[in-house]
C-alpha atoms as a PDB file:
ATOM      1  CA  UNK A   1     -61.912  -4.139 -42.020  1.00  0.00           C
ATOM      2  CA  UNK A   2     -58.209  -4.745 -42.761  1.00  0.00           C
ATOM      3  CA  UNK A   3     -56.097  -2.801 -40.291  1.00  0.00           C
ATOM      4  CA  UNK A   4     -54.081   0.002 -42.156  1.00  0.00           C
ATOM      5  CA  UNK A   5     -50.321  -0.869 -43.038  1.00  0.00           C
ATOM      6  CA  UNK A   6     -49.618   2.379 -40.396  1.00  0.00           C
ATOM      7  CA  UNK A   7     -51.554   0.522 -37.487  1.00  0.00           C
ATOM      8  CA  UNK A   8     -49.833  -2.532 -38.376  1.00  0.00           C
ATOM      9  CA  UNK A   9     -46.521  -0.868 -38.023  1.00  0.00           C
ATOM     10  CA  UNK A  10     -47.454   0.773 -34.710  1.00  0.00           C
ATOM     11  CA  UNK A  11     -48.290  -2.432 -33.172  1.00  0.00           C
ATOM     12  CA  UNK A  12     -45.051  -4.189 -34.312  1.00  0.00           C
ATOM     13  CA  UNK A  13     -43.250  -1.293 -32.647  1.00  0.00           C
ATOM     14  CA  UNK A  14     -45.072  -1.714 -29.597  1.00  0.00           C
ATOM     15  CA  UNK A  15     -44.899  -5.247 -29.128  1.00  0.00           C
ATOM     16  CA  UNK A  16     -40.869  -4.927 -29.931  1.00  0.00           C
ATOM     17  CA  UNK A  17     -40.090  -2.573 -27.229  1.00  0.00           C
ATOM     18  CA  UNK A  18     -42.442  -4.576 -24.414  1.00  0.00           C
ATOM     19  CA  UNK A  19     -40.939  -8.113 -25.004  1.00  0.00           C
ATOM     20  CA  UNK A  20     -37.525  -6.857 -25.471  1.00  0.00           C
ATOM     21  CA  UNK A  21     -35.477  -9.003 -22.876  1.00  0.00           C
ATOM     22  CA  UNK A  22     -33.904  -7.841 -19.672  1.00  0.00           C
ATOM     23  CA  UNK A  23     -30.377  -7.296 -20.308  1.00  0.00           C
ATOM     24  CA  UNK A  24     -29.779  -3.796 -18.278  1.00  0.00           C
ATOM     25  CA  UNK A  25     -27.649  -5.873 -15.361  1.00  0.00           C
ATOM     26  CA  UNK A  26     -26.521  -9.480 -14.568  1.00  0.00           C
ATOM     27  CA  UNK A  27     -25.434 -10.272 -10.775  1.00  0.00           C
ATOM     28  CA  UNK A  28     -22.748 -13.236 -10.336  1.00  0.00           C
ATOM     29  CA  UNK A  29     -20.534 -14.616  -7.323  1.00  0.00           C
ATOM     30  CA  UNK A  30     -16.818 -14.030  -8.366  1.00  0.00           C
ATOM     31  CA  UNK A  31     -14.175 -16.196  -7.247  1.00  0.00           C
ATOM     32  CA  UNK A  32     -12.235 -15.038  -3.939  1.00  0.00           C
ATOM     33  CA  UNK A  33      -9.175 -12.848  -4.603  1.00  0.00           C
ATOM     34  CA  UNK A  34      -6.500 -11.332  -3.018  1.00  0.00           C
ATOM     35  CA  UNK A  35      -6.533  -7.603  -1.597  1.00  0.00           C
ATOM     36  CA  UNK A  36      -2.455  -7.833  -1.381  1.00  0.00           C
ATOM     37  CA  UNK A  37      -0.204  -7.856   1.564  1.00  0.00           C
ATOM     38  CA  UNK A  38       0.083  -5.295   4.065  1.00  0.00           C
ATOM     39  CA  UNK A  39       2.114  -4.924   7.669  1.00  0.00           C
ATOM     40  CA  UNK A  40       0.262  -5.130  10.927  1.00  0.00           C
ATOM     41  CA  UNK A  41       1.448  -1.747  11.742  1.00  0.00           C
ATOM     42  CA  UNK A  42      -0.373  -0.262   8.220  1.00  0.00           C
ATOM     43  CA  UNK A  43      -3.165  -2.003   9.050  1.00  0.00           C
ATOM     44  CA  UNK A  44      -3.734  -0.689  12.785  1.00  0.00           C
ATOM     45  CA  UNK A  45      -2.719   2.898  11.908  1.00  0.00           C
ATOM     46  CA  UNK A  46      -5.652   2.915   9.139  1.00  0.00           C
ATOM     47  CA  UNK A  47      -3.009   3.780   6.546  1.00  0.00           C
ATOM     48  CA  UNK A  48      -4.329   0.904   4.073  1.00  0.00           C
ATOM     49  CA  UNK A  49      -6.147   2.590   1.425  1.00  0.00           C
ATOM     50  CA  UNK A  50      -9.606   1.748   0.024  1.00  0.00           C
ATOM     51  CA  UNK A  51      -8.905  -1.606  -2.399  1.00  0.00           C
ATOM     52  CA  UNK A  52     -11.147  -1.890  -5.046  1.00  0.00           C
ATOM     53  CA  UNK A  53     -13.079  -5.254  -5.706  1.00  0.00           C
ATOM     54  CA  UNK A  54     -15.640  -6.116  -8.266  1.00  0.00           C
ATOM     55  CA  UNK A  55     -19.073  -6.114  -6.570  1.00  0.00           C
ATOM     56  CA  UNK A  56     -20.656  -8.930  -8.483  1.00  0.00           C
ATOM     57  CA  UNK A  57     -22.470  -7.042 -10.794  1.00  0.00           C
ATOM     58  CA  UNK A  58     -22.408  -5.916 -14.458  1.00  0.00           C
ATOM     59  CA  UNK A  59     -24.529  -3.263 -16.470  1.00  0.00           C
ATOM     60  CA  UNK A  60     -24.734  -1.983 -19.557  1.00  0.00           C
ATOM     61  CA  UNK A  61     -23.695   1.903 -19.518  1.00  0.00           C
ATOM     62  CA  UNK A  62     -26.301   2.628 -22.155  1.00  0.00           C
ATOM     63  CA  UNK A  63     -28.959   2.367 -19.450  1.00  0.00           C
ATOM     64  CA  UNK A  64     -27.089   3.882 -16.347  1.00  0.00           C
ATOM     65  CA  UNK A  65     -28.497   7.584 -16.427  1.00  0.00           C
ATOM     66  CA  UNK A  66     -29.772   9.660 -14.026  1.00  0.00           C
ATOM     67  CA  UNK A  67     -33.169   9.945 -14.906  1.00  0.00           C
ATOM     68  CA  UNK A  68     -35.340  11.003 -11.794  1.00  0.00           C
ATOM     69  CA  UNK A  69     -37.303   7.048 -11.554  1.00  0.00           C
ATOM     70  CA  UNK A  70     -33.990   4.850 -12.317  1.00  0.00           C
ATOM     71  CA  UNK A  71     -32.621   3.160  -9.323  1.00  0.00           C
ATOM     72  CA  UNK A  72     -29.611   1.066  -8.696  1.00  0.00           C
ATOM     73  CA  UNK A  73     -28.905  -0.209  -5.093  1.00  0.00           C
ATOM     74  CA  UNK A  74     -26.536  -2.129  -3.084  1.00  0.00           C
ATOM     75  CA  UNK A  75     -27.261  -3.606   0.388  1.00  0.00           C
ATOM     76  CA  UNK A  76     -24.517  -5.365   2.220  1.00  0.00           C
ATOM     77  CA  UNK A  77     -24.865  -8.073   4.645  1.00  0.00           C
ATOM     78  CA  UNK A  78     -22.391 -10.302   6.722  1.00  0.00           C
ATOM     79  CA  UNK A  79     -22.658 -12.972   9.143  1.00  0.00           C
ATOM     80  CA  UNK A  80     -19.590 -12.159  11.305  1.00  0.00           C
ATOM     81  CA  UNK A  81     -19.909  -9.079  11.602  1.00  0.00           C
ATOM     82  CA  UNK A  82     -17.484  -8.044   8.781  1.00  0.00           C
ATOM     83  CA  UNK A  83     -14.722  -9.750  10.218  1.00  0.00           C
ATOM     84  CA  UNK A  84     -11.175 -10.774   8.870  1.00  0.00           C
ATOM     85  CA  UNK A  85     -10.362 -14.014  10.285  1.00  0.00           C
ATOM     86  CA  UNK A  86      -7.430 -16.362  10.358  1.00  0.00           C
ATOM     87  CA  UNK A  87      -7.608 -19.637  12.037  1.00  0.00           C
ATOM     88  CA  UNK A  88      -5.875 -19.214  15.754  1.00  0.00           C
ATOM     89  CA  UNK A  89      -5.527 -15.729  15.504  1.00  0.00           C
ATOM     90  CA  UNK A  90      -7.289 -12.265  16.766  1.00  0.00           C
ATOM     91  CA  UNK A  91      -9.694 -11.059  14.202  1.00  0.00           C
ATOM     92  CA  UNK A  92      -9.552  -8.021  12.110  1.00  0.00           C
ATOM     93  CA  UNK A  93     -12.340  -6.143  10.473  1.00  0.00           C
ATOM     94  CA  UNK A  94     -13.230  -4.541   7.303  1.00  0.00           C
ATOM     95  CA  UNK A  95     -15.444  -1.655   5.955  1.00  0.00           C
ATOM     96  CA  UNK A  96     -17.060  -1.386   2.618  1.00  0.00           C
ATOM     97  CA  UNK A  97     -17.497   1.955   0.807  1.00  0.00           C
ATOM     98  CA  UNK A  98     -19.386   2.619  -2.673  1.00  0.00           C
ATOM     99  CA  UNK A  99     -16.363   4.608  -4.308  1.00  0.00           C
ATOM    100  CA  UNK A 100     -12.723   5.585  -3.499  1.00  0.00           C
ATOM    101  CA  UNK A 101     -13.615   8.797  -2.216  1.00  0.00           C
ATOM    102  CA  UNK A 102     -16.676   8.058   0.180  1.00  0.00           C
ATOM    103  CA  UNK A 103     -16.499   9.228   3.406  1.00  0.00           C
ATOM    104  CA  UNK A 104     -18.850   7.369   5.050  1.00  0.00           C
ATOM    105  CA  UNK A 105     -18.687   3.452   5.292  1.00  0.00           C
ATOM    106  CA  UNK A 106     -21.846   1.331   3.910  1.00  0.00           C
ATOM    107  CA  UNK A 107     -24.239  -0.170   6.609  1.00  0.00           C
ATOM    108  CA  UNK A 108     -24.890  -3.686   6.902  1.00  0.00           C
ATOM    109  CA  UNK A 109     -28.818  -3.828   5.648  1.00  0.00           C
ATOM    110  CA  UNK A 110     -28.927  -0.547   4.527  1.00  0.00           C
ATOM    111  CA  UNK A 111     -29.640   0.305   0.882  1.00  0.00           C
ATOM    112  CA  UNK A 112     -27.087   2.686  -0.917  1.00  0.00           C
ATOM    113  CA  UNK A 113     -28.115   4.748  -3.742  1.00  0.00           C
ATOM    114  CA  UNK A 114     -25.394   4.094  -6.498  1.00  0.00           C
ATOM    115  CA  UNK A 115     -27.153   6.557  -9.138  1.00  0.00           C
ATOM    116  CA  UNK A 116     -26.355   9.586  -6.507  1.00  0.00           C
ATOM    117  CA  UNK A 117     -24.233  12.234  -8.813  1.00  0.00           C
ATOM    118  CA  UNK A 118     -21.352  12.055  -6.716  1.00  0.00           C
ATOM    119  CA  UNK A 119     -20.829   7.911  -6.812  1.00  0.00           C
ATOM    120  CA  UNK A 120     -21.450   7.383 -10.273  1.00  0.00           C
ATOM    121  CA  UNK A 121     -19.608   9.944 -11.548  1.00  0.00           C
ATOM    122  CA  UNK A 122     -16.295   8.895  -9.704  1.00  0.00           C
ATOM    123  CA  UNK A 123     -17.121   5.482 -10.827  1.00  0.00           C
ATOM    124  CA  UNK A 124     -17.122   7.235 -14.640  1.00  0.00           C
ATOM    125  CA  UNK A 125     -20.376   4.696 -15.257  1.00  0.00           C
ATOM    126  CA  UNK A 126     -21.855   7.525 -17.642  1.00  0.00           C
ATOM    127  CA  UNK A 127     -21.638   6.328 -21.047  1.00  0.00           C
ATOM    128  CA  UNK A 128     -19.127   3.932 -22.617  1.00  0.00           C
ATOM    129  CA  UNK A 129     -18.863   0.127 -22.576  1.00  0.00           C
ATOM    130  CA  UNK A 130     -20.440  -2.141 -20.251  1.00  0.00           C
ATOM    131  CA  UNK A 131     -19.280  -1.898 -16.357  1.00  0.00           C
ATOM    132  CA  UNK A 132     -18.327  -4.295 -13.661  1.00  0.00           C
ATOM    133  CA  UNK A 133     -19.205  -1.916 -10.683  1.00  0.00           C
ATOM    134  CA  UNK A 134     -16.377  -2.137  -7.807  1.00  0.00           C
ATOM    135  CA  UNK A 135     -17.076  -1.916  -4.031  1.00  0.00           C
ATOM    136  CA  UNK A 136     -14.103  -0.940  -2.143  1.00  0.00           C
ATOM    137  CA  UNK A 137     -12.813  -2.634   1.092  1.00  0.00           C
ATOM    138  CA  UNK A 138     -10.549  -0.988   3.966  1.00  0.00           C
ATOM    139  CA  UNK A 139      -9.019  -3.352   6.284  1.00  0.00           C
ATOM    140  CA  UNK A 140      -8.915  -2.219  10.200  1.00  0.00           C
ATOM    141  CA  UNK A 141      -7.591  -3.413  13.582  1.00  0.00           C
ATOM    142  CA  UNK A 142      -7.380  -1.829  17.024  1.00  0.00           C
ATOM    143  CA  UNK A 143      -4.314  -3.974  17.596  1.00  0.00           C
ATOM    144  CA  UNK A 144      -1.496  -5.188  15.518  1.00  0.00           C
ATOM    145  CA  UNK A 145      -2.618  -8.700  13.536  1.00  0.00           C
ATOM    146  CA  UNK A 146      -0.449 -11.344  13.582  1.00  0.00           C
ATOM    147  CA  UNK A 147       1.125 -12.073  10.461  1.00  0.00           C
ATOM    148  CA  UNK A 148      -0.576 -14.600   8.165  1.00  0.00           C
ATOM    149  CA  UNK A 149      -3.606 -14.827   5.476  1.00  0.00           C
ATOM    150  CA  UNK A 150      -6.930 -13.214   6.341  1.00  0.00           C
ATOM    151  CA  UNK A 151     -10.109 -14.120   4.787  1.00  0.00           C
ATOM    152  CA  UNK A 152     -13.266 -11.881   4.710  1.00  0.00           C
ATOM    153  CA  UNK A 153     -16.285 -12.420   2.660  1.00  0.00           C
ATOM    154  CA  UNK A 154     -19.752 -10.626   2.505  1.00  0.00           C
ATOM    155  CA  UNK A 155     -23.115 -10.420   0.436  1.00  0.00           C
ATOM    156  CA  UNK A 156     -24.139  -7.634  -1.650  1.00  0.00           C
ATOM    157  CA  UNK A 157     -28.073  -7.374  -3.072  1.00  0.00           C
ATOM    158  CA  UNK A 158     -28.340  -5.489  -5.747  1.00  0.00           C
ATOM    159  CA  UNK A 159     -31.732  -3.831  -7.069  1.00  0.00           C
ATOM    160  CA  UNK A 160     -32.326  -1.949 -10.099  1.00  0.00           C
ATOM    161  CA  UNK A 161     -34.910  -0.135 -12.401  1.00  0.00           C
ATOM    162  CA  UNK A 162     -34.039   1.329 -15.557  1.00  0.00           C
ATOM    163  CA  UNK A 163     -36.183   3.096 -18.112  1.00  0.00           C
ATOM    164  CA  UNK A 164     -34.936   3.444 -21.775  1.00  0.00           C
ATOM    165  CA  UNK A 165     -37.410   5.980 -22.468  1.00  0.00           C
ATOM    166  CA  UNK A 166     -38.650   8.637 -19.814  1.00  0.00           C
ATOM    167  CA  UNK A 167     -40.265   8.464 -16.276  1.00  0.00           C
ATOM    168  CA  UNK A 168     -43.926  10.127 -15.780  1.00  0.00           C
ATOM    169  CA  UNK A 169     -44.579   9.880 -12.401  1.00  0.00           C
ATOM    170  CA  UNK A 170     -43.695   6.416 -11.298  1.00  0.00           C
ATOM    171  CA  UNK A 171     -44.438   5.082 -15.188  1.00  0.00           C
ATOM    172  CA  UNK A 172     -42.119   4.308 -17.441  1.00  0.00           C
ATOM    173  CA  UNK A 173     -43.030   5.654 -21.103  1.00  0.00           C
ATOM    174  CA  UNK A 174     -41.750   6.164 -24.664  1.00  0.00           C
ATOM    175  CA  UNK A 175     -39.107   3.053 -23.711  1.00  0.00           C
ATOM    176  CA  UNK A 176     -38.873  -0.012 -21.982  1.00  0.00           C
ATOM    177  CA  UNK A 177     -38.727  -0.952 -18.047  1.00  0.00           C
ATOM    178  CA  UNK A 178     -35.881  -2.861 -17.037  1.00  0.00           C
ATOM    179  CA  UNK A 179     -35.846  -4.120 -13.526  1.00  0.00           C
ATOM    180  CA  UNK A 180     -34.387  -6.748 -11.635  1.00  0.00           C
ATOM    181  CA  UNK A 181     -32.791  -8.124  -8.278  1.00  0.00           C
ATOM    182  CA  UNK A 182     -30.029 -10.357  -7.717  1.00  0.00           C
ATOM    183  CA  UNK A 183     -27.161 -11.208  -4.654  1.00  0.00           C
ATOM    184  CA  UNK A 184     -23.562 -11.725  -5.161  1.00  0.00           C
ATOM    185  CA  UNK A 185     -21.780 -13.664  -2.436  1.00  0.00           C
ATOM    186  CA  UNK A 186     -18.124 -12.309  -2.417  1.00  0.00           C
ATOM    187  CA  UNK A 187     -14.903 -13.490  -0.592  1.00  0.00           C
ATOM    188  CA  UNK A 188     -11.725 -12.333  -0.636  1.00  0.00           C
ATOM    189  CA  UNK A 189      -8.078 -12.965   1.168  1.00  0.00           C
ATOM    190  CA  UNK A 190      -5.615 -10.601   2.457  1.00  0.00           C
ATOM    191  CA  UNK A 191      -1.633 -11.240   3.792  1.00  0.00           C
ATOM    192  CA  UNK A 192      -0.446  -9.789   6.899  1.00  0.00           C
ATOM    193  CA  UNK A 193       3.425  -9.603   6.690  1.00  0.00           C
ATOM    194  CA  UNK A 194       5.720  -7.271   8.458  1.00  0.00           C
ATOM    195  CA  UNK A 195       7.617  -5.330   6.306  1.00  0.00           C
ATOM    196  CA  UNK A 196      10.742  -4.082   8.305  1.00  0.00           C
ATOM    197  CA  UNK A 197      13.504  -1.829   7.094  1.00  0.00           C
ATOM    198  CA  UNK A 198      15.893  -3.065   4.479  1.00  0.00           C
ATOM    199  CA  UNK A 199      19.672  -2.334   4.860  1.00  0.00           C
ATOM    200  CA  UNK A 200      22.336  -2.588   1.535  1.00  0.00           C
ATOM    201  CA  UNK A 201      25.810  -1.984   1.815  1.00  0.00           C
ATOM    202  CA  UNK A 202      28.490  -1.798  -0.958  1.00  0.00           C
ATOM    203  CA  UNK A 203      31.815  -0.279  -0.902  1.00  0.00           C
ATOM    204  CA  UNK A 204      34.101   1.274  -3.215  1.00  0.00           C
ATOM    205  CA  UNK A 205      38.204   1.640  -2.944  1.00  0.00           C
ATOM    206  CA  UNK A 206      38.887   5.669  -2.756  1.00  0.00           C
ATOM    207  CA  UNK A 207      42.749   5.392  -1.959  1.00  0.00           C
ATOM    208  CA  UNK A 208      46.049   2.924  -2.277  1.00  0.00           C
ATOM    209  CA  UNK A 209      49.257   3.738  -0.704  1.00  0.00           C
ATOM    210  CA  UNK A 210      50.844   3.583  -4.425  1.00  0.00           C
ATOM    211  CA  UNK A 211      48.476   4.982  -6.770  1.00  0.00           C
ATOM    212  CA  UNK A 212      46.644   7.422  -4.320  1.00  0.00           C
ATOM    213  CA  UNK A 213      43.155   8.470  -5.435  1.00  0.00           C
ATOM    214  CA  UNK A 214      43.879   7.588  -9.503  1.00  0.00           C
ATOM    215  CA  UNK A 215      42.184   3.852 -10.164  1.00  0.00           C
ATOM    216  CA  UNK A 216      42.872   2.686  -6.400  1.00  0.00           C
ATOM    217  CA  UNK A 217      43.441  -0.547  -6.069  1.00  0.00           C
ATOM    218  CA  UNK A 218      42.325  -2.775  -2.949  1.00  0.00           C
ATOM    219  CA  UNK A 219      45.643  -3.666  -1.358  1.00  0.00           C
ATOM    220  CA  UNK A 220      46.771  -3.525   1.874  1.00  0.00           C
ATOM    221  CA  UNK A 221      46.727  -0.250   3.215  1.00  0.00           C
ATOM    222  CA  UNK A 222      44.194   0.941   0.703  1.00  0.00           C
ATOM    223  CA  UNK A 223      40.913   3.067   2.033  1.00  0.00           C
ATOM    224  CA  UNK A 224      37.233   2.392   1.203  1.00  0.00           C
ATOM    225  CA  UNK A 225      34.301   4.195   1.643  1.00  0.00           C
ATOM    226  CA  UNK A 226      31.093   1.980   2.747  1.00  0.00           C
ATOM    227  CA  UNK A 227      27.857   2.978   1.767  1.00  0.00           C
ATOM    228  CA  UNK A 228      24.504   1.726   4.025  1.00  0.00           C
ATOM    229  CA  UNK A 229      21.405   2.246   2.565  1.00  0.00           C
ATOM    230  CA  UNK A 230      18.454   1.802   4.830  1.00  0.00           C
ATOM    231  CA  UNK A 231      15.092   1.962   3.514  1.00  0.00           C
ATOM    232  CA  UNK A 232      11.561   1.878   4.903  1.00  0.00           C
ATOM    233  CA  UNK A 233       9.187  -0.306   2.456  1.00  0.00           C
ATOM    234  CA  UNK A 234       6.203   0.136   4.354  1.00  0.00           C
ATOM    235  CA  UNK A 235       3.472   2.623   3.887  1.00  0.00           C
ATOM    236  CA  UNK A 236       3.564   4.077   7.692  1.00  0.00           C
ATOM    237  CA  UNK A 237       6.588   5.216   9.580  1.00  0.00           C
ATOM    238  CA  UNK A 238       8.588   3.311  11.713  1.00  0.00           C
ATOM    239  CA  UNK A 239       8.245   3.254  15.277  1.00  0.00           C
ATOM    240  CA  UNK A 240      10.228   6.068  17.180  1.00  0.00           C
ATOM    241  CA  UNK A 241      13.592   5.907  17.644  1.00  0.00           C
ATOM    242  CA  UNK A 242      13.438   2.099  16.282  1.00  0.00           C
ATOM    243  CA  UNK A 243      15.740   2.332  13.752  1.00  0.00           C
ATOM    244  CA  UNK A 244      19.022   0.502  14.585  1.00  0.00           C
ATOM    245  CA  UNK A 245      21.586  -0.785  12.354  1.00  0.00           C
ATOM    246  CA  UNK A 246      24.469  -2.742  13.255  1.00  0.00           C
ATOM    247  CA  UNK A 247      27.841  -3.048  10.715  1.00  0.00           C
ATOM    248  CA  UNK A 248      30.278  -5.692  11.164  1.00  0.00           C
ATOM    249  CA  UNK A 249      33.926  -5.322  10.221  1.00  0.00           C
ATOM    250  CA  UNK A 250      34.413  -7.318   6.896  1.00  0.00           C
ATOM    251  CA  UNK A 251      37.123 -10.112   6.929  1.00  0.00           C
ATOM    252  CA  UNK A 252      40.487  -8.078   6.005  1.00  0.00           C
ATOM    253  CA  UNK A 253      38.767  -4.804   6.755  1.00  0.00           C
ATOM    254  CA  UNK A 254      39.072  -2.441   9.936  1.00  0.00           C
ATOM    255  CA  UNK A 255      37.278   1.323  10.515  1.00  0.00           C
ATOM    256  CA  UNK A 256      39.196   4.031   9.518  1.00  0.00           C
ATOM    257  CA  UNK A 257      37.904   7.150  11.129  1.00  0.00           C
ATOM    258  CA  UNK A 258      40.921   9.179  10.090  1.00  0.00           C
ATOM    259  CA  UNK A 259      39.381   9.310   6.854  1.00  0.00           C
ATOM    260  CA  UNK A 260      38.886   7.368   3.503  1.00  0.00           C
ATOM    261  CA  UNK A 261      42.047   9.161   1.480  1.00  0.00           C
ATOM    262  CA  UNK A 262      40.118  10.807  -1.000  1.00  0.00           C
ATOM    263  CA  UNK A 263      37.677  13.658   0.910  1.00  0.00           C
ATOM    264  CA  UNK A 264      37.927  15.585   4.035  1.00  0.00           C
ATOM    265  CA  UNK A 265      35.268  16.460   6.301  1.00  0.00           C
ATOM    266  CA  UNK A 266      33.727  14.053   8.832  1.00  0.00           C
ATOM    267  CA  UNK A 267      34.474  10.438   8.252  1.00  0.00           C
ATOM    268  CA  UNK A 268      30.995   9.011   8.946  1.00  0.00           C
ATOM    269  CA  UNK A 269      28.629  11.221   6.783  1.00  0.00           C
ATOM    270  CA  UNK A 270      24.811  11.023   6.897  1.00  0.00           C
ATOM    271  CA  UNK A 271      22.530  11.952   3.691  1.00  0.00           C
ATOM    272  CA  UNK A 272      18.741  12.070   3.853  1.00  0.00           C
ATOM    273  CA  UNK A 273      16.408  10.560   1.313  1.00  0.00           C
ATOM    274  CA  UNK A 274      14.048  11.502  -1.294  1.00  0.00           C
ATOM    275  CA  UNK A 275      11.312  11.871  -0.087  1.00  0.00           C
ATOM    276  CA  UNK A 276      12.960  12.775   3.332  1.00  0.00           C
ATOM    277  CA  UNK A 277      13.231  10.445   6.069  1.00  0.00           C
ATOM    278  CA  UNK A 278      12.204  12.636   8.565  1.00  0.00           C
ATOM    279  CA  UNK A 279      15.236  11.328  10.879  1.00  0.00           C
ATOM    280  CA  UNK A 280      17.671  13.349  12.853  1.00  0.00           C
ATOM    281  CA  UNK A 281      21.191  11.847  12.784  1.00  0.00           C
ATOM    282  CA  UNK A 282      25.139  13.451  14.353  1.00  0.00           C
ATOM    283  CA  UNK A 283      28.375  12.043  14.472  1.00  0.00           C
ATOM    284  CA  UNK A 284      30.486  14.179  16.415  1.00  0.00           C
ATOM    285  CA  UNK A 285      33.638  11.795  17.618  1.00  0.00           C
ATOM    286  CA  UNK A 286      34.593   8.143  18.647  1.00  0.00           C
ATOM    287  CA  UNK A 287      34.433   9.344  22.109  1.00  0.00           C
ATOM    288  CA  UNK A 288      30.687  11.424  22.326  1.00  0.00           C
ATOM    289  CA  UNK A 289      28.333   9.370  23.786  1.00  0.00           C
ATOM    290  CA  UNK A 290      25.633  11.749  22.948  1.00  0.00           C
ATOM    291  CA  UNK A 291      25.963  11.031  19.179  1.00  0.00           C
ATOM    292  CA  UNK A 292      24.278   8.367  17.037  1.00  0.00           C
ATOM    293  CA  UNK A 293      27.282   6.496  16.596  1.00  0.00           C
ATOM    294  CA  UNK A 294      28.289   3.535  18.826  1.00  0.00           C
ATOM    295  CA  UNK A 295      31.408   1.127  18.492  1.00  0.00           C
ATOM    296  CA  UNK A 296      31.978  -2.406  19.943  1.00  0.00           C
ATOM    297  CA  UNK A 297      34.751  -4.463  20.572  1.00  0.00           C
ATOM    298  CA  UNK A 298      35.172  -8.054  22.691  1.00  0.00           C
ATOM    299  CA  UNK A 299      35.469  -7.345  26.242  1.00  0.00           C
ATOM    300  CA  UNK A 300      34.412  -3.491  26.090  1.00  0.00           C
ATOM    301  CA  UNK A 301      30.988  -4.048  24.335  1.00  0.00           C
ATOM    302  CA  UNK A 302      29.436  -0.667  23.019  1.00  0.00           C
ATOM    303  CA  UNK A 303      31.354   1.583  25.469  1.00  0.00           C
ATOM    304  CA  UNK A 304      34.695   1.148  23.311  1.00  0.00           C
ATOM    305  CA  UNK A 305      36.364   4.253  21.985  1.00  0.00           C
ATOM    306  CA  UNK A 306      38.524   3.925  19.050  1.00  0.00           C
ATOM    307  CA  UNK A 307      41.490   6.464  18.436  1.00  0.00           C
ATOM    308  CA  UNK A 308      41.286   7.882  14.886  1.00  0.00           C
ATOM    309  CA  UNK A 309      44.318   6.795  13.058  1.00  0.00           C
ATOM    310  CA  UNK A 310      45.445   4.430  15.482  1.00  0.00           C
ATOM    311  CA  UNK A 311      45.565   1.089  13.361  1.00  0.00           C
ATOM    312  CA  UNK A 312      45.617  -1.117  16.454  1.00  0.00           C
ATOM    313  CA  UNK A 313      42.959   0.422  18.386  1.00  0.00           C
ATOM    314  CA  UNK A 314      40.593   0.777  15.199  1.00  0.00           C
ATOM    315  CA  UNK A 315      41.186  -2.712  14.287  1.00  0.00           C
ATOM    316  CA  UNK A 316      39.765  -3.827  17.475  1.00  0.00           C
ATOM    317  CA  UNK A 317      36.272  -2.451  16.454  1.00  0.00           C
ATOM    318  CA  UNK A 318      33.889  -5.283  15.645  1.00  0.00           C
ATOM    319  CA  UNK A 319      31.017  -3.655  14.923  1.00  0.00           C
ATOM    320  CA  UNK A 320      29.489  -0.016  14.043  1.00  0.00           C
ATOM    321  CA  UNK A 321      25.964   0.555  15.438  1.00  0.00           C
ATOM    322  CA  UNK A 322      23.902   3.777  13.849  1.00  0.00           C
ATOM    323  CA  UNK A 323      21.094   5.311  16.226  1.00  0.00           C
ATOM    324  CA  UNK A 324      19.074   7.786  14.130  1.00  0.00           C
ATOM    325  CA  UNK A 325      16.465   9.488  15.700  1.00  0.00           C
ATOM    326  CA  UNK A 326      12.797   9.742  15.189  1.00  0.00           C
ATOM    327  CA  UNK A 327      10.694   7.999  12.608  1.00  0.00           C
ATOM    328  CA  UNK A 328      11.705   6.748   9.306  1.00  0.00           C
ATOM    329  CA  UNK A 329       9.206   7.981   7.188  1.00  0.00           C
ATOM    330  CA  UNK A 330       6.950   5.618   4.989  1.00  0.00           C
ATOM    331  CA  UNK A 331       8.745   4.827   1.340  1.00  0.00           C
ATOM    332  CA  UNK A 332      11.926   6.963   2.295  1.00  0.00           C
ATOM    333  CA  UNK A 333      15.518   6.145   3.026  1.00  0.00           C
ATOM    334  CA  UNK A 334      18.749   7.371   3.964  1.00  0.00           C
ATOM    335  CA  UNK A 335      22.320   6.386   3.665  1.00  0.00           C
ATOM    336  CA  UNK A 336      25.594   6.611   6.135  1.00  0.00           C
ATOM    337  CA  UNK A 337      29.270   6.281   4.711  1.00  0.00           C
ATOM    338  CA  UNK A 338      31.946   5.072   6.690  1.00  0.00           C
ATOM    339  CA  UNK A 339      35.933   4.853   5.784  1.00  0.00           C
ATOM    340  CA  UNK A 340      37.335   1.268   6.280  1.00  0.00           C
ATOM    341  CA  UNK A 341      41.327   0.195   5.766  1.00  0.00           C
ATOM    342  CA  UNK A 342      42.398  -2.762   3.872  1.00  0.00           C
ATOM    343  CA  UNK A 343      44.163  -5.036   6.204  1.00  0.00           C
END
């Protein structure tokens, strides 16, 4: 009996569906990459955010759905308890998370379901083009790590099962079942480097004895105002009361506590940054040992008290020290301006 055309067509369709290659996911071991650079204080404080890193698997978004029987899991393992190592230095550590907002770290040997609606929505895996699925790494240390390059490594075993049709119980029907597993060995580096506060200084001539404040020149007897900008480039605040800035008197200038000839008010002025530095700062007068400014002269040291307006007395000041109180907030700055006389 010759099969009907309809029967042949159905047979061809079934063979096509069941002979399709498994192309849902591919697993590979990527080359080692850098997580960036962070300070010892930031790592110790737990301030380093989770860092996205390719998880070693690429899956076509067309197969990633929340159908009840679909599975995509990751299981991590590590030979040295997830340590960050640098030759000859104490170890740090790292944790792995399935998403940037996960509150619980992944545990060694415990499969994590990436088709959890919370994870899949956060990663944006539904629809669109093929996705390189990330894992998220967070470094940590109970103590301040020694600056250097640290290495970390782990293995992640991926397992998946996708049905392009529908699940009836545990059976994929009206579609193709794509399932498989594979592991990816992932390694990375992280640079630990100190990120101290930075200090920038600039000066502008504000007054001279001939032109006054109208286009003043830096001639002998002229006044300048120096601006000192102090910035915290780190992602954590500085230690309490640790910001100390010493400003040497530049060659050919001396402190001028009587003012800069152009503005009234206090000769030494503090301006907070944006965002706020969270520091406190005050200057009362040259002889106030309780404010936040000290003056240094050879022989007397930091106990020296110059007389405002007295050129000889002020000329003996070799350095000015600023001592703001508190912790300089991360990513913030402040400025202090001081008047000087051109010698």
